[in-house]
């Protein structure tokens, strides 16, 4: 099973690299995005536990001992979200990402646990948006393949479209699984890797195959 997963990841990397080499700027963005994503994942996975004392301190500053007591639970919640999302960033450092996490999931207070940041609202909307994005990417991620092939065909580069489609499809599946596993947990405010061309996996398919 592990060999199969590694083979899939290697194939996705090869295809992604073949697509990214189309221009120097894209290659630089792709490589730097992978590096930033892995670095943040490594830091968050290793320091997520610091959310517990940090949130206790924030709670105490807000309303003394009642706030500190509540901060224990908030800290555990944030620690789980930060740690798991960090592991996800490390495992999926090679994957493309959604453009941002605006109104998708409850945002962590800041990029790293030791920063003060600001608290974000917990609403059904943002939790539902994260669940919906996870389901959309997981179930329909493979739509990226015909969609990107059709886009490449229009630009006289169907082979590049195939490579990009496979990379995007595996990326969608990876991102979708992480969203589904963590939809009730806080997540980073933004994303780091090279963003998808479209918001949803089926968009390129609809725009380029129906014309």
Protein backbone atom coordinates (compact mmCIF):
# COMPACT_ATOMS: atom_id res chain seq x y z
CA UNK A 1 0.00 0.00 0.00
CA UNK A 2 2.79 2.42 0.94
CA UNK A 3 4.65 1.66 -2.29
CA UNK A 4 1.50 2.37 -4.27
CA UNK A 5 0.97 5.73 -2.55
CA UNK A 6 4.61 6.67 -3.12
CA UNK A 7 4.33 5.68 -6.78
CA UNK A 8 1.26 7.88 -7.21
CA UNK A 9 3.00 10.81 -5.54
CA UNK A 10 6.09 10.34 -7.70
CA UNK A 11 3.99 10.22 -10.86
CA UNK A 12 2.17 13.38 -9.81
CA UNK A 13 5.47 15.13 -9.13
CA UNK A 14 6.88 14.13 -12.50
CA UNK A 15 3.79 15.36 -14.34
CA UNK A 16 3.68 18.54 -12.28
CA UNK A 17 7.34 19.23 -12.98
CA UNK A 18 6.84 18.70 -16.68
CA UNK A 19 4.03 21.23 -16.63
CA UNK A 20 5.81 23.72 -14.39
CA UNK A 21 8.88 23.85 -16.62
CA UNK A 22 6.81 25.62 -19.25
CA UNK A 23 8.17 28.90 -17.88
CA UNK A 24 10.87 29.92 -15.41
CA UNK A 25 8.44 32.01 -13.35
CA UNK A 26 6.02 29.11 -12.97
CA UNK A 27 8.84 26.75 -12.00
CA UNK A 28 10.08 29.18 -9.35
CA UNK A 29 6.58 29.65 -7.94
CA UNK A 30 5.97 25.91 -7.89
CA UNK A 31 9.23 25.09 -6.11
CA UNK A 32 8.94 27.94 -3.61
CA UNK A 33 5.32 27.04 -2.91
CA UNK A 34 6.29 23.45 -2.11
CA UNK A 35 9.08 24.67 0.16
CA UNK A 36 6.90 27.16 2.05
CA UNK A 37 4.14 24.60 2.46
CA UNK A 38 6.46 21.91 3.81
CA UNK A 39 8.23 24.37 6.13
CA UNK A 40 4.98 25.67 7.62
CA UNK A 41 3.69 22.12 7.97
CA UNK A 42 6.85 21.05 9.77
CA UNK A 43 6.68 24.00 12.19
CA UNK A 44 2.95 23.63 12.88
CA UNK A 45 3.15 19.87 13.35
CA UNK A 46 5.92 20.31 15.90
CA UNK A 47 4.57 23.35 17.75
CA UNK A 48 0.82 22.82 17.66
CA UNK A 49 0.87 21.88 21.35
CA UNK A 50 1.88 25.45 22.21
CA UNK A 51 -1.68 26.50 21.41
CA UNK A 52 -2.74 25.14 24.82
CA UNK A 53 -0.68 27.48 27.04
CA UNK A 54 -1.11 30.27 24.48
CA UNK A 55 -4.92 30.05 24.56
CA UNK A 56 -4.92 29.77 28.36
CA UNK A 57 -2.93 32.99 28.48
CA UNK A 58 -5.23 34.71 26.01
CA UNK A 59 -8.25 33.57 28.01
CA UNK A 60 -6.78 34.87 31.25
CA UNK A 61 -6.02 38.24 29.68
CA UNK A 62 -9.60 38.39 28.45
CA UNK A 63 -11.52 37.42 31.60
CA UNK A 64 -9.11 36.16 34.26
CA UNK A 65 -9.65 32.66 35.62
CA UNK A 66 -12.92 31.82 33.79
CA UNK A 67 -11.20 32.77 30.53
CA UNK A 68 -8.13 30.73 31.42
CA UNK A 69 -10.31 27.69 32.13
CA UNK A 70 -12.08 28.06 28.80
CA UNK A 71 -8.71 28.56 27.16
CA UNK A 72 -7.80 24.97 28.03
CA UNK A 73 -10.51 23.63 25.72
CA UNK A 74 -9.90 26.23 23.02
CA UNK A 75 -6.20 25.42 23.21
CA UNK A 76 -6.74 21.69 22.75
CA UNK A 77 -9.06 22.41 19.81
CA UNK A 78 -6.56 24.75 18.16
CA UNK A 79 -3.66 22.42 18.93
CA UNK A 80 -5.39 19.55 17.13
CA UNK A 81 -6.24 21.75 14.14
CA UNK A 82 -2.75 23.18 13.85
CA UNK A 83 -0.97 19.85 14.31
CA UNK A 84 -3.13 17.87 11.89
CA UNK A 85 -3.08 20.61 9.25
CA UNK A 86 0.70 20.73 9.67
CA UNK A 87 0.99 17.01 9.02
CA UNK A 88 -1.30 17.48 6.02
CA UNK A 89 0.91 20.26 4.63
CA UNK A 90 3.97 18.05 4.99
CA UNK A 91 2.32 15.02 3.38
CA UNK A 92 0.84 17.10 0.58
CA UNK A 93 3.68 19.58 0.06
CA UNK A 94 3.76 18.56 -3.61
CA UNK A 95 0.07 19.28 -4.17
CA UNK A 96 -1.55 22.39 -5.58
CA UNK A 97 -3.89 24.21 -3.19
CA UNK A 98 -7.13 26.18 -3.24
CA UNK A 99 -6.45 29.89 -3.77
CA UNK A 100 -7.17 30.72 -0.12
CA UNK A 101 -9.16 29.73 2.96
CA UNK A 102 -11.37 32.81 3.00
CA UNK A 103 -14.60 31.83 4.82
CA UNK A 104 -13.56 28.16 4.60
CA UNK A 105 -13.15 26.62 8.05
CA UNK A 106 -12.52 28.42 11.31
CA UNK A 107 -9.20 30.24 10.99
CA UNK A 108 -6.40 29.80 13.50
CA UNK A 109 -5.50 33.01 15.32
CA UNK A 110 -2.26 33.40 13.38
CA UNK A 111 0.10 31.53 11.07
CA UNK A 112 2.16 30.16 13.97
CA UNK A 113 1.13 29.22 17.49
CA UNK A 114 3.41 31.68 19.30
CA UNK A 115 2.00 34.71 17.50
CA UNK A 116 -0.83 36.68 19.12
CA UNK A 117 -3.11 37.09 16.12
CA UNK A 118 -6.85 37.65 16.40
CA UNK A 119 -9.72 35.29 17.12
CA UNK A 120 -12.07 34.46 14.27
CA UNK A 121 -15.79 33.78 14.42
CA UNK A 122 -17.06 30.21 14.64
CA UNK A 123 -20.04 29.91 12.32
CA UNK A 124 -21.97 27.12 10.66
CA UNK A 125 -21.23 28.78 7.31
CA UNK A 126 -17.43 28.50 7.47
CA UNK A 127 -17.57 24.94 8.80
CA UNK A 128 -20.06 23.99 6.09
CA UNK A 129 -17.91 25.63 3.42
CA UNK A 130 -14.92 23.54 4.47
CA UNK A 131 -16.97 20.35 4.45
CA UNK A 132 -18.42 21.24 1.04
CA UNK A 133 -15.00 21.99 -0.41
CA UNK A 134 -13.65 18.72 0.93
CA UNK A 135 -16.51 16.73 -0.57
CA UNK A 136 -16.27 18.55 -3.90
CA UNK A 137 -12.54 17.98 -4.26
CA UNK A 138 -12.63 14.37 -3.10
CA UNK A 139 -15.60 13.23 -5.17
CA UNK A 140 -14.99 15.26 -8.32
CA UNK A 141 -11.20 15.69 -8.27
CA UNK A 142 -10.74 13.44 -11.30
CA UNK A 143 -12.75 15.93 -13.40
CA UNK A 144 -9.54 17.96 -13.57
CA UNK A 145 -8.04 15.46 -16.03
CA UNK A 146 -10.49 15.89 -18.94
CA UNK A 147 -10.89 19.57 -18.08
CA UNK A 148 -7.18 20.37 -18.24
CA UNK A 149 -6.71 18.16 -21.34
CA UNK A 150 -9.46 20.14 -23.09
CA UNK A 151 -7.88 23.41 -22.00
CA UNK A 152 -4.48 22.21 -23.22
CA UNK A 153 -6.01 21.09 -26.52
CA UNK A 154 -7.36 24.60 -27.11
CA UNK A 155 -3.87 25.95 -26.46
CA UNK A 156 -2.25 23.30 -28.70
CA UNK A 157 -0.64 21.55 -25.71
CA UNK A 158 -2.84 18.58 -24.88
CA UNK A 159 0.11 16.62 -23.45
CA UNK A 160 0.87 19.40 -20.97
CA UNK A 161 -2.83 19.53 -20.14
CA UNK A 162 -2.78 15.81 -19.36
CA UNK A 163 0.16 16.22 -16.99
CA UNK A 164 -1.41 19.21 -15.30
CA UNK A 165 -4.76 17.42 -15.05
CA UNK A 166 -3.23 14.40 -13.31
CA UNK A 167 -1.30 16.63 -10.90
CA UNK A 168 -4.41 18.70 -10.15
CA UNK A 169 -6.56 15.58 -9.72
CA UNK A 170 -4.21 14.02 -7.14
CA UNK A 171 -3.88 17.41 -5.46
CA UNK A 172 -7.66 17.77 -5.23
CA UNK A 173 -7.94 14.34 -3.65
CA UNK A 174 -5.22 15.12 -1.09
CA UNK A 175 -6.66 18.53 -0.20
CA UNK A 176 -10.18 17.15 -0.07
CA UNK A 177 -9.27 14.37 2.35
CA UNK A 178 -7.52 16.85 4.65
CA UNK A 179 -10.55 19.16 4.59
CA UNK A 180 -12.91 16.29 5.41
CA UNK A 181 -10.77 15.02 8.28
CA UNK A 182 -10.38 18.49 9.80
CA UNK A 183 -13.62 20.28 8.86
CA UNK A 184 -14.53 20.74 12.54
CA UNK A 185 -11.02 21.92 13.44
CA UNK A 186 -9.36 25.31 12.87
CA UNK A 187 -7.08 25.66 9.86
CA UNK A 188 -4.40 28.11 8.64
CA UNK A 189 -5.62 31.47 7.45
CA UNK A 190 -4.11 31.04 3.99
CA UNK A 191 -2.62 28.44 1.67
CA UNK A 192 0.99 28.22 0.50
CA UNK A 193 1.31 26.08 -2.61
CA UNK A 194 0.68 27.01 -6.23
CA UNK A 195 -3.10 27.60 -6.49
CA UNK A 196 -5.49 25.72 -8.77
CA UNK A 197 -6.57 27.57 -11.92
CA UNK A 198 -10.23 27.22 -10.97
CA UNK A 199 -12.13 27.15 -7.69
CA UNK A 200 -13.83 23.80 -8.36
CA UNK A 201 -12.50 20.66 -10.09
CA UNK A 202 -15.32 20.53 -12.63
CA UNK A 203 -15.06 24.16 -13.78
CA UNK A 204 -12.37 23.61 -16.43
CA UNK A 205 -14.29 20.62 -17.74
CA UNK A 206 -17.50 22.62 -18.14
CA UNK A 207 -15.87 25.68 -19.63
CA UNK A 208 -13.70 23.89 -22.18
CA UNK A 209 -15.61 20.74 -23.16
CA UNK A 210 -19.01 22.30 -23.68
CA UNK A 211 -17.83 24.77 -26.32
